[in-house]
N, C-alpha and C. Protein backbone atom coordinates (compact mmCIF):
# COMPACT_ATOMS: atom_id res chain seq x y z
N MET A 1 29.86 370.35 300.30
CA MET A 1 29.10 370.79 300.44
C MET A 1 28.41 370.58 298.71
N ASN A 2 29.36 370.94 297.90
CA ASN A 2 29.33 370.94 296.30
C ASN A 2 29.17 369.46 295.77
N LYS A 3 29.63 369.13 296.79
CA LYS A 3 29.46 367.13 296.26
C LYS A 3 28.34 366.61 296.30
N ILE A 4 27.94 367.20 297.77
CA ILE A 4 26.84 366.60 297.94
C ILE A 4 25.44 366.61 297.25
N CYS A 5 25.99 368.18 297.22
CA CYS A 5 24.50 368.46 296.17
C CYS A 5 24.99 368.24 294.57
N THR A 6 26.21 367.66 294.11
CA THR A 6 26.43 367.21 292.80
C THR A 6 25.50 365.82 293.04
N ALA A 7 25.59 365.05 293.68
CA ALA A 7 25.65 363.53 294.44
C ALA A 7 24.00 363.48 293.85
N ILE A 8 23.20 364.33 295.13
CA ILE A 8 22.05 364.32 295.39
C ILE A 8 21.17 364.90 293.41
N LEU A 9 21.94 365.64 293.02
CA LEU A 9 20.91 365.88 291.51
C LEU A 9 21.55 364.79 290.94
N LEU A 10 22.81 363.41 290.66
CA LEU A 10 22.64 362.61 290.02
C LEU A 10 22.16 361.26 290.29
N ILE A 11 21.84 361.38 291.52
CA ILE A 11 20.61 360.76 291.88
C ILE A 11 19.38 360.86 291.19
N ALA A 12 18.80 362.02 291.51
CA ALA A 12 17.59 362.52 290.89
C ALA A 12 17.52 362.12 289.66
N LEU A 13 18.46 362.34 289.10
CA LEU A 13 18.18 362.21 287.42
C LEU A 13 18.27 361.05 287.29
N ALA A 14 19.16 360.29 287.82
CA ALA A 14 18.89 358.77 287.51
C ALA A 14 17.61 358.36 287.99
N ILE A 15 17.22 358.59 288.93
CA ILE A 15 15.62 358.03 289.48
C ILE A 15 14.67 358.15 288.42
N SER A 16 14.89 359.45 287.68
CA SER A 16 13.55 359.75 287.10
C SER A 16 13.68 359.16 285.60
N SER A 17 15.03 358.75 285.49
CA SER A 17 15.26 358.36 283.84
C SER A 17 15.22 357.41 283.99
N ASN A 18 14.85 356.55 284.88
CA ASN A 18 14.74 354.97 285.69
C ASN A 18 13.15 354.93 285.18
N ALA A 19 12.96 356.03 286.07
CA ALA A 19 11.36 355.79 286.14
C ALA A 19 10.12 355.50 284.98
N GLY A 20 10.85 356.92 284.15
CA GLY A 20 10.37 356.75 282.54
C GLY A 20 10.39 355.65 282.04
N LEU A 21 12.12 355.08 282.08
CA LEU A 21 12.25 353.83 281.18
C LEU A 21 11.12 352.70 281.62
N ALA A 22 11.23 352.57 282.96
CA ALA A 22 10.37 351.29 283.51
C ALA A 22 8.98 351.38 283.09
N GLN A 23 8.64 352.82 282.89
CA GLN A 23 6.78 352.75 282.88
C GLN A 23 7.04 352.20 280.80
N SER A 24 7.78 352.60 280.42
CA SER A 24 7.69 352.13 278.81
C SER A 24 7.96 350.81 278.75
N LYS A 25 8.84 349.89 279.10
CA LYS A 25 8.94 348.52 279.33
C LYS A 25 8.05 347.52 278.95
N ASP A 26 6.96 347.59 279.19
CA ASP A 26 6.03 346.71 279.09
C ASP A 26 5.06 347.42 277.38
N LEU A 27 5.60 348.26 276.79
CA LEU A 27 4.79 349.60 275.84
C LEU A 27 5.17 348.12 273.94
N LYS A 28 3.99 347.46 273.44
CA LYS A 28 4.51 346.99 272.62
C LYS A 28 3.78 347.75 271.48
N LEU A 29 4.19 348.61 270.32
CA LEU A 29 3.45 349.25 269.50
C LEU A 29 3.07 348.13 267.69
N VAL A 30 2.57 347.63 267.93
CA VAL A 30 1.83 346.72 266.74
C VAL A 30 1.29 347.77 265.34
N PHE A 31 1.57 348.09 264.36
CA PHE A 31 1.64 348.69 263.32
C PHE A 31 1.20 348.02 261.96
N ILE A 32 0.04 347.98 261.60
CA ILE A 32 -0.16 347.27 260.58
C ILE A 32 -0.77 348.35 259.50
N ARG A 33 -0.82 347.91 258.34
CA ARG A 33 -1.37 348.72 257.12
C ARG A 33 -3.21 348.07 256.95
N HIS A 34 -3.60 349.46 256.49
CA HIS A 34 -4.90 348.94 256.48
C HIS A 34 -5.35 347.66 255.12
N ALA A 35 -6.36 347.13 255.25
CA ALA A 35 -6.36 346.15 254.11
C ALA A 35 -6.35 346.24 252.50
N GLU A 36 -6.48 345.63 251.64
CA GLU A 36 -6.31 345.71 250.52
C GLU A 36 -7.46 346.76 249.94
N LYS A 37 -7.11 347.35 248.97
CA LYS A 37 -8.13 348.67 248.33
C LYS A 37 -8.02 348.71 246.80
N PRO A 38 -9.43 348.67 246.39
CA PRO A 38 -9.65 348.58 244.94
C PRO A 38 -8.80 349.81 244.28
N ALA A 39 -8.60 349.29 242.85
CA ALA A 39 -7.93 349.87 242.31
C ALA A 39 -8.36 351.42 242.46
N ASP A 40 -9.66 351.80 242.34
CA ASP A 40 -10.20 353.28 242.34
C ASP A 40 -11.29 353.14 243.33
N GLY A 41 -11.43 354.32 244.40
CA GLY A 41 -12.13 354.21 245.23
C GLY A 41 -11.49 354.68 246.58
N ASP A 42 -12.34 354.88 247.71
CA ASP A 42 -11.74 355.32 249.08
C ASP A 42 -11.76 354.58 250.16
N ASN A 43 -12.73 352.82 249.67
CA ASN A 43 -12.98 351.78 250.93
C ASN A 43 -11.96 350.79 250.40
N LEU A 44 -12.56 349.96 250.81
CA LEU A 44 -11.84 348.39 250.96
C LEU A 44 -12.07 347.89 250.08
N SER A 45 -11.59 346.93 249.73
CA SER A 45 -11.75 345.81 248.68
C SER A 45 -12.43 344.74 248.95
N CYS A 46 -13.35 343.92 248.04
CA CYS A 46 -13.77 342.92 249.02
C CYS A 46 -12.64 341.85 249.55
N GLN A 47 -11.62 342.01 249.04
CA GLN A 47 -10.91 341.18 249.67
C GLN A 47 -9.90 341.86 250.93
N GLY A 48 -9.99 343.13 250.72
CA GLY A 48 -9.71 343.99 252.10
C GLY A 48 -10.69 343.66 253.08
N LEU A 49 -11.98 343.80 252.69
CA LEU A 49 -12.71 343.27 254.05
C LEU A 49 -12.73 341.87 254.65
N ASN A 50 -12.76 341.08 253.51
CA ASN A 50 -12.25 339.39 253.85
C ASN A 50 -11.40 339.82 254.93
N ARG A 51 -10.20 340.44 255.11
CA ARG A 51 -8.97 340.61 255.64
C ARG A 51 -9.61 341.36 257.18
N SER A 52 -10.14 341.90 256.73
CA SER A 52 -10.79 342.87 258.21
C SER A 52 -11.52 341.83 259.16
N LEU A 53 -11.96 340.80 258.31
CA LEU A 53 -13.13 340.27 258.91
C LEU A 53 -12.22 338.89 259.53
N GLN A 54 -11.01 338.70 259.51
CA GLN A 54 -10.46 337.39 259.74
C GLN A 54 -9.39 338.40 260.58
N LEU A 55 -9.31 339.38 260.56
CA LEU A 55 -7.70 339.98 261.76
C LEU A 55 -8.17 340.04 262.73
N PRO A 56 -9.14 339.83 263.58
CA PRO A 56 -9.89 339.91 264.80
C PRO A 56 -8.96 338.80 266.05
N ALA A 57 -9.71 337.41 264.99
CA ALA A 57 -8.58 336.35 265.85
C ALA A 57 -7.34 336.31 265.51
N VAL A 58 -6.35 336.56 264.51
CA VAL A 58 -5.24 336.98 264.93
C VAL A 58 -4.44 338.12 265.15
N LEU A 59 -5.55 338.55 265.34
CA LEU A 59 -4.49 340.12 266.51
C LEU A 59 -5.05 339.50 268.00
N MET A 60 -6.16 338.85 268.53
CA MET A 60 -6.16 338.19 269.35
C MET A 60 -5.17 337.23 269.68
N LYS A 61 -5.18 336.28 269.08
CA LYS A 61 -4.18 335.12 268.87
C LYS A 61 -2.25 335.65 269.46
N LYS A 62 -2.10 336.34 268.59
CA LYS A 62 -0.91 336.98 268.43
C LYS A 62 -0.53 338.27 269.71
N PHE A 63 -1.53 339.05 270.65
CA PHE A 63 -1.40 339.89 271.12
C PHE A 63 -2.16 340.05 272.50
N GLY A 64 -3.51 339.52 272.34
CA GLY A 64 -4.09 339.80 273.35
C GLY A 64 -4.99 341.15 272.73
N LYS A 65 -5.58 341.84 274.16
CA LYS A 65 -6.47 342.59 273.69
C LYS A 65 -5.73 343.82 274.01
N PRO A 66 -5.78 344.66 272.88
CA PRO A 66 -4.72 346.07 273.43
C PRO A 66 -5.23 347.05 274.31
N SER A 67 -4.45 347.57 274.54
CA SER A 67 -5.12 348.76 276.02
C SER A 67 -5.55 349.97 274.71
N ALA A 68 -5.08 350.07 273.58
CA ALA A 68 -5.27 351.41 272.72
C ALA A 68 -5.46 350.92 271.16
N ILE A 69 -6.36 351.34 270.32
CA ILE A 69 -6.13 351.56 269.05
C ILE A 69 -6.00 352.91 268.46
N TYR A 70 -5.07 353.17 267.27
CA TYR A 70 -5.11 354.06 266.77
C TYR A 70 -4.97 353.96 265.67
N VAL A 71 -6.28 355.04 264.57
CA VAL A 71 -6.35 355.18 263.44
C VAL A 71 -6.19 356.62 262.71
N PRO A 72 -6.15 357.08 261.25
CA PRO A 72 -5.66 358.48 261.24
C PRO A 72 -6.86 358.94 262.19
N ALA A 73 -6.96 360.23 261.44
CA ALA A 73 -7.98 361.16 261.35
C ALA A 73 -8.77 361.24 260.28
N LEU A 74 -10.26 361.08 259.97
CA LEU A 74 -10.65 360.66 259.14
C LEU A 74 -10.94 362.16 258.21
N ASN A 75 -11.07 362.86 258.54
CA ASN A 75 -11.05 364.37 257.31
C ASN A 75 -12.05 364.17 256.32
N LEU A 76 -13.16 363.82 257.33
CA LEU A 76 -14.23 364.00 256.24
C LEU A 76 -14.55 364.90 255.31
N GLY A 77 -14.55 364.21 254.17
CA GLY A 77 -15.17 365.50 252.81
C GLY A 77 -15.37 364.99 252.06
N LYS A 78 -14.61 365.63 250.70
CA LYS A 78 -14.78 365.08 249.32
C LYS A 78 -14.80 363.33 248.80
N THR A 79 -13.50 363.27 249.89
CA THR A 79 -12.66 362.28 249.99
C THR A 79 -12.63 361.91 251.32
N THR A 80 -12.38 360.06 251.56
CA THR A 80 -12.29 359.49 252.71
C THR A 80 -11.34 358.50 252.64
N LYS A 81 -10.09 359.15 252.45
CA LYS A 81 -9.14 358.01 251.70
C LYS A 81 -8.90 357.36 253.39
N ARG A 82 -8.81 357.78 254.22
CA ARG A 82 -8.27 357.40 255.17
C ARG A 82 -9.80 356.15 256.14
N MET A 83 -10.70 355.98 255.46
CA MET A 83 -11.36 355.17 255.74
C MET A 83 -11.08 354.17 255.60
N ARG A 84 -10.16 353.49 254.76
CA ARG A 84 -9.55 352.14 255.18
C ARG A 84 -8.85 351.69 256.63
N MET A 85 -8.63 352.53 256.89
CA MET A 85 -7.65 352.04 258.11
C MET A 85 -8.73 351.86 259.58
N LEU A 86 -9.67 353.12 259.50
CA LEU A 86 -10.84 352.56 260.28
C LEU A 86 -12.05 351.23 259.77
N GLN A 87 -11.62 351.28 258.25
CA GLN A 87 -12.34 349.85 257.71
C GLN A 87 -12.07 348.76 258.12
N THR A 88 -10.39 348.58 258.40
CA THR A 88 -10.10 347.56 258.67
C THR A 88 -9.92 347.34 260.41
N ILE A 89 -9.83 347.68 261.33
CA ILE A 89 -9.86 347.55 262.43
C ILE A 89 -11.08 347.38 263.45
N THR A 90 -12.47 348.31 262.56
CA THR A 90 -13.70 347.83 263.22
C THR A 90 -14.02 346.67 263.68
N PRO A 91 -14.01 345.71 262.62
CA PRO A 91 -14.48 344.34 263.37
C PRO A 91 -13.72 343.99 264.07
N PHE A 92 -12.38 343.78 264.84
CA PHE A 92 -11.82 343.92 265.77
C PHE A 92 -12.41 344.73 267.08
N ALA A 93 -12.52 346.23 266.41
CA ALA A 93 -12.97 346.63 267.58
C ALA A 93 -14.77 346.47 267.95
N VAL A 94 -15.37 346.16 267.05
CA VAL A 94 -16.63 345.57 267.56
C VAL A 94 -16.68 344.35 268.13
N LYS A 95 -15.67 343.18 267.70
CA LYS A 95 -15.74 342.41 268.68
C LYS A 95 -15.35 342.25 269.96
N TYR A 96 -14.51 343.04 270.87
CA TYR A 96 -13.91 343.19 271.96
C TYR A 96 -14.14 344.43 272.60
N ASN A 97 -15.71 345.27 271.94
CA ASN A 97 -15.89 346.70 272.23
C ASN A 97 -14.94 347.31 272.71
N LEU A 98 -13.96 347.78 271.70
CA LEU A 98 -13.02 348.52 271.86
C LEU A 98 -13.17 350.37 271.47
N ALA A 99 -12.26 350.83 272.02
CA ALA A 99 -12.52 352.29 271.30
C ALA A 99 -11.19 352.67 270.39
N ILE A 100 -11.82 353.51 269.51
CA ILE A 100 -10.61 353.61 268.15
C ILE A 100 -10.52 355.40 268.65
N ASN A 101 -8.78 355.53 268.85
CA ASN A 101 -8.42 356.64 268.62
C ASN A 101 -8.16 357.44 267.18
N SER A 102 -9.11 358.80 266.92
CA SER A 102 -8.79 358.69 265.77
C SER A 102 -8.41 360.53 265.53
N LYS A 103 -7.77 360.56 267.01
CA LYS A 103 -7.20 361.89 266.67
C LYS A 103 -6.08 362.48 265.99
N TYR A 104 -4.93 361.85 265.44
CA TYR A 104 -3.80 362.40 265.46
C TYR A 104 -4.43 362.24 263.96
N THR A 105 -3.91 363.31 262.68
CA THR A 105 -3.53 363.36 261.73
C THR A 105 -2.02 362.60 260.79
N GLU A 106 -2.06 362.10 259.87
CA GLU A 106 -1.00 361.03 258.99
C GLU A 106 0.27 362.55 258.74
N GLU A 107 -0.48 364.06 258.82
CA GLU A 107 0.94 365.43 258.24
C GLU A 107 1.52 365.25 259.97
N ASP A 108 1.18 364.95 260.89
CA ASP A 108 1.76 365.58 262.44
C ASP A 108 2.34 363.75 263.09
N PRO A 109 3.38 363.14 262.67
CA PRO A 109 3.84 362.31 263.02
C PRO A 109 4.51 362.75 264.44
N GLY A 110 5.07 363.45 264.66
CA GLY A 110 5.26 363.85 266.14
C GLY A 110 4.14 364.06 267.28
N ALA A 111 3.26 364.60 266.74
CA ALA A 111 1.98 364.29 267.65
C ALA A 111 1.59 363.15 268.26
N MET A 112 1.59 362.29 267.50
CA MET A 112 1.26 360.91 267.05
C MET A 112 2.27 360.33 268.09
N GLY A 113 3.11 360.36 267.91
CA GLY A 113 4.77 359.74 268.22
C GLY A 113 4.47 359.79 269.74
N ASP A 114 4.38 361.16 270.37
CA ASP A 114 4.54 361.64 271.86
C ASP A 114 3.35 360.96 272.46
N ALA A 115 1.90 360.35 271.61
CA ALA A 115 0.94 360.39 272.38
C ALA A 115 1.25 358.54 272.52
N LEU A 116 2.05 357.89 271.36
CA LEU A 116 2.06 356.77 271.27
C LEU A 116 3.20 356.23 272.82
N LEU A 117 4.40 357.60 272.79
CA LEU A 117 5.03 357.17 274.28
C LEU A 117 4.51 356.94 275.40
N LYS A 118 3.47 357.84 275.33
CA LYS A 118 2.77 357.91 276.87
C LYS A 118 1.49 356.66 277.06
N GLU A 119 1.51 355.62 276.29
CA GLU A 119 0.91 354.01 276.45
C GLU A 119 1.28 353.16 277.34
N ALA A 120 0.83 352.48 277.33
CA ALA A 120 1.45 351.29 278.24
C ALA A 120 0.74 349.88 277.87
N GLY A 121 1.03 348.81 277.65
CA GLY A 121 0.85 347.71 277.14
C GLY A 121 0.78 347.43 275.52
N ILE A 122 -0.16 346.98 274.82
CA ILE A 122 -0.08 346.61 273.86
C ILE A 122 -1.17 347.29 272.86
N VAL A 123 -0.67 348.20 271.92
CA VAL A 123 -1.27 349.37 271.27
C VAL A 123 -1.17 348.85 269.89
N ILE A 124 -2.47 348.77 269.39
CA ILE A 124 -2.38 348.62 267.87
C ILE A 124 -2.43 350.15 266.76
N ILE A 125 -2.11 350.10 266.00
CA ILE A 125 -2.02 351.37 265.25
C ILE A 125 -2.05 350.84 263.90
N VAL A 126 -3.11 351.43 263.17
CA VAL A 126 -3.54 350.75 261.76
C VAL A 126 -3.30 352.31 260.86
N TRP A 127 -2.43 352.36 260.17
CA TRP A 127 -2.16 353.27 259.30
C TRP A 127 -1.04 353.40 258.09
N ASP A 128 -1.23 354.14 257.17
CA ASP A 128 -0.69 354.21 255.96
C ASP A 128 0.32 354.17 255.95
N HIS A 129 0.84 352.64 255.25
CA HIS A 129 2.48 351.98 255.24
C HIS A 129 3.53 353.52 254.96
N ASN A 130 3.17 354.16 254.03
CA ASN A 130 4.09 355.35 253.73
C ASN A 130 4.18 356.76 254.37
N SER A 131 3.26 356.33 255.69
CA SER A 131 3.54 357.08 257.02
C SER A 131 4.07 356.50 258.09
N ILE A 132 5.10 355.65 258.35
CA ILE A 132 4.31 354.86 259.44
C ILE A 132 5.91 355.41 259.77
N GLN A 133 7.28 355.40 258.56
CA GLN A 133 8.61 355.52 258.81
C GLN A 133 8.77 356.90 260.04
N PRO A 134 8.03 358.04 259.36
CA PRO A 134 8.10 358.97 259.88
C PRO A 134 7.70 359.08 261.90
N MET A 135 7.12 358.39 261.82
CA MET A 135 6.55 357.95 263.27
C MET A 135 7.07 357.12 264.07
N LEU A 136 8.54 356.14 263.38
CA LEU A 136 9.01 355.59 264.22
C LEU A 136 10.45 356.83 264.14
N LYS A 137 11.07 357.26 263.29
CA LYS A 137 11.58 358.30 264.30
C LYS A 137 11.45 358.86 265.02
N LYS A 138 9.97 359.33 265.14
CA LYS A 138 10.18 360.06 266.75
C LYS A 138 10.11 359.13 267.71
N LEU A 139 9.76 357.97 267.59
CA LEU A 139 9.47 357.47 268.85
C LEU A 139 10.88 356.86 269.01
N GLY A 140 12.20 356.95 268.19
CA GLY A 140 13.51 357.26 268.70
C GLY A 140 14.12 355.89 267.67
N MET A 141 13.58 355.33 267.03
CA MET A 141 14.53 354.49 266.03
C MET A 141 15.29 355.55 265.17
N LYS A 142 16.70 354.97 265.30
CA LYS A 142 17.83 355.45 264.43
C LYS A 142 17.79 354.99 262.87
N LYS A 143 17.67 353.78 263.10
CA LYS A 143 18.00 353.09 260.98
C LYS A 143 16.41 352.82 260.35
N THR A 144 15.77 354.03 260.47
CA THR A 144 14.73 353.96 259.26
C THR A 144 14.58 353.76 257.80
N GLY A 145 15.65 354.53 257.27
CA GLY A 145 15.78 354.75 255.92
C GLY A 145 16.09 353.28 255.26
N SER A 146 16.33 352.59 255.45
CA SER A 146 16.68 351.06 255.41
C SER A 146 15.16 350.48 255.25
N LEU A 147 14.09 350.72 255.92
CA LEU A 147 12.93 350.14 256.19
C LEU A 147 12.03 350.21 255.03
N THR A 148 10.83 349.72 254.00
CA THR A 148 10.18 349.80 253.33
C THR A 148 8.88 348.70 253.09
N TRP A 149 7.85 349.35 253.01
CA TRP A 149 6.69 348.76 253.21
C TRP A 149 6.34 348.70 252.00
N LEU A 150 6.32 347.43 251.29
CA LEU A 150 5.87 347.19 250.07
C LEU A 150 4.44 347.71 249.50
N ASP A 151 4.28 348.68 248.49
CA ASP A 151 2.60 348.83 248.14
C ASP A 151 1.64 347.45 247.95
N ASN A 152 2.25 346.50 247.93
CA ASN A 152 1.48 345.05 247.66
C ASN A 152 1.28 344.30 248.63
N ASP A 153 1.43 344.79 250.11
CA ASP A 153 1.69 344.46 250.94
C ASP A 153 1.14 344.59 252.20
N TYR A 154 0.01 343.61 252.11
CA TYR A 154 -1.32 344.34 253.10
C TYR A 154 -1.30 342.99 254.32
N ASP A 155 -0.12 342.39 254.33
CA ASP A 155 0.01 341.23 255.32
C ASP A 155 1.29 341.16 256.76
N SER A 156 2.03 342.81 256.25
CA SER A 156 2.76 342.41 257.63
C SER A 156 2.57 343.31 258.49
N MET A 157 3.17 342.66 259.89
CA MET A 157 3.17 343.45 260.93
C MET A 157 4.46 344.23 261.06
N TRP A 158 4.80 345.65 261.56
CA TRP A 158 5.73 345.78 262.38
C TRP A 158 5.63 346.11 263.70
N ILE A 159 6.48 345.94 264.78
CA ILE A 159 5.98 345.46 266.12
C ILE A 159 7.28 346.18 266.68
N VAL A 160 7.10 347.49 267.59
CA VAL A 160 8.24 348.16 268.42
C VAL A 160 8.33 348.06 269.59
N SER A 161 9.10 347.45 270.23
CA SER A 161 8.97 347.22 271.76
C SER A 161 9.81 348.18 272.62
N PHE A 162 9.77 348.00 273.91
CA PHE A 162 10.28 348.80 274.41
C PHE A 162 11.26 348.06 275.79
N SER A 163 11.14 346.95 275.69
CA SER A 163 11.78 346.35 276.83
C SER A 163 13.15 346.35 277.64
N THR A 164 14.01 346.87 276.10
CA THR A 164 15.56 347.12 276.63
C THR A 164 15.05 348.53 276.98
N GLY A 165 14.33 349.49 277.21
CA GLY A 165 13.96 351.12 277.47
C GLY A 165 14.54 351.58 275.89
N LYS A 166 14.94 350.90 275.00
CA LYS A 166 15.08 351.68 273.74
C LYS A 166 13.93 351.05 272.59
N PRO A 167 13.84 351.52 271.66
CA PRO A 167 13.13 350.79 270.46
C PRO A 167 13.48 349.84 269.69
N VAL A 168 13.29 348.69 269.82
CA VAL A 168 13.65 347.86 269.04
C VAL A 168 12.55 347.09 268.15
N LEU A 169 13.02 346.75 266.51
CA LEU A 169 11.73 346.85 265.94
C LEU A 169 11.78 345.63 265.37
N SER A 170 10.74 344.91 265.11
CA SER A 170 10.69 343.27 264.88
C SER A 170 9.61 343.41 263.46
N LYS A 171 9.35 342.13 263.11
CA LYS A 171 8.17 342.12 261.68
C LYS A 171 7.95 340.76 262.00
N ASP A 172 6.62 341.20 261.56
CA ASP A 172 5.57 339.52 261.74
C ASP A 172 4.70 339.55 260.50
N ALA A 173 3.78 338.74 260.73
CA ALA A 173 3.13 338.71 259.10
C ALA A 173 1.68 337.96 259.89
N GLU A 174 0.22 338.70 259.38
CA GLU A 174 -0.80 338.39 259.60
C GLU A 174 -0.92 336.62 259.52
N GLY A 175 -0.44 336.58 258.45
CA GLY A 175 -0.83 335.31 257.66
C GLY A 175 -2.38 334.68 257.05
N ILE A 176 -2.83 336.03 256.73
CA ILE A 176 -4.38 335.91 256.25
C ILE A 176 -4.30 335.91 254.43
N ARG A 177 -5.13 335.22 254.58
CA ARG A 177 -4.84 334.83 252.46
C ARG A 177 -6.73 335.56 252.13
N PRO A 178 -6.99 335.95 252.19
CA PRO A 178 -8.07 336.72 252.32
C PRO A 178 -8.96 336.21 250.53
N ALA A 179 -10.17 335.97 250.62
CA ALA A 179 -10.76 335.77 249.20
C ALA A 179 -10.86 337.00 248.39
N ALA A 180 -11.03 336.74 247.42
CA ALA A 180 -10.72 338.20 246.33
C ALA A 180 -12.11 338.44 246.36
N GLY A 181 -13.38 337.83 246.15
CA GLY A 181 -14.86 338.27 246.14
C GLY A 181 -15.49 338.38 247.43
N CYS A 182 -16.68 339.16 247.42
CA CYS A 182 -17.03 338.98 248.63
C CYS A 182 -18.34 338.13 247.98
N SER A 183 -18.82 337.69 249.56
CA SER A 183 -19.64 336.44 249.55
C SER A 183 -21.30 336.99 249.59
N PHE A 184 -21.58 338.42 249.67
CA PHE A 184 -22.75 338.96 249.56
C PHE A 184 -23.41 339.06 248.51
């Protein structure tokens, strides 16, 4: 009787753990940094604005229409440093009529990581480059210490896929070389 109960328990555990893996196999998290910023101020620079206007074509070609977009909570007040992330992805969201989730703060990578693991399909995350590593740890990435996103790199994309049931990181680039000046 004990062997039967143990066997049933093991089968139930195997089924439930495989169900969790099956749900996340199509999950692909695309991390991008906000576009270029000025030497002083909280908004994008003209170069950053130009990048954000070219980004919709790049993202659609590489990934298609995402199931979700995340930016950090704006924390509106005297400064709006997190506006850069929203400004970066707004042209894409406008063009394809997509909602932008700004519920989570950069200071709580655990809550953000939990939310991302509940998603499916393509998810675009526009975040501060210094706050991505803690989120990757929460997603189950083991070796994040060697990952660096250079301060002058606005073109990289880090992609985390779960096709094997475990997070696998790959890197890509937008390939955008935006003009420095505003055309208006």
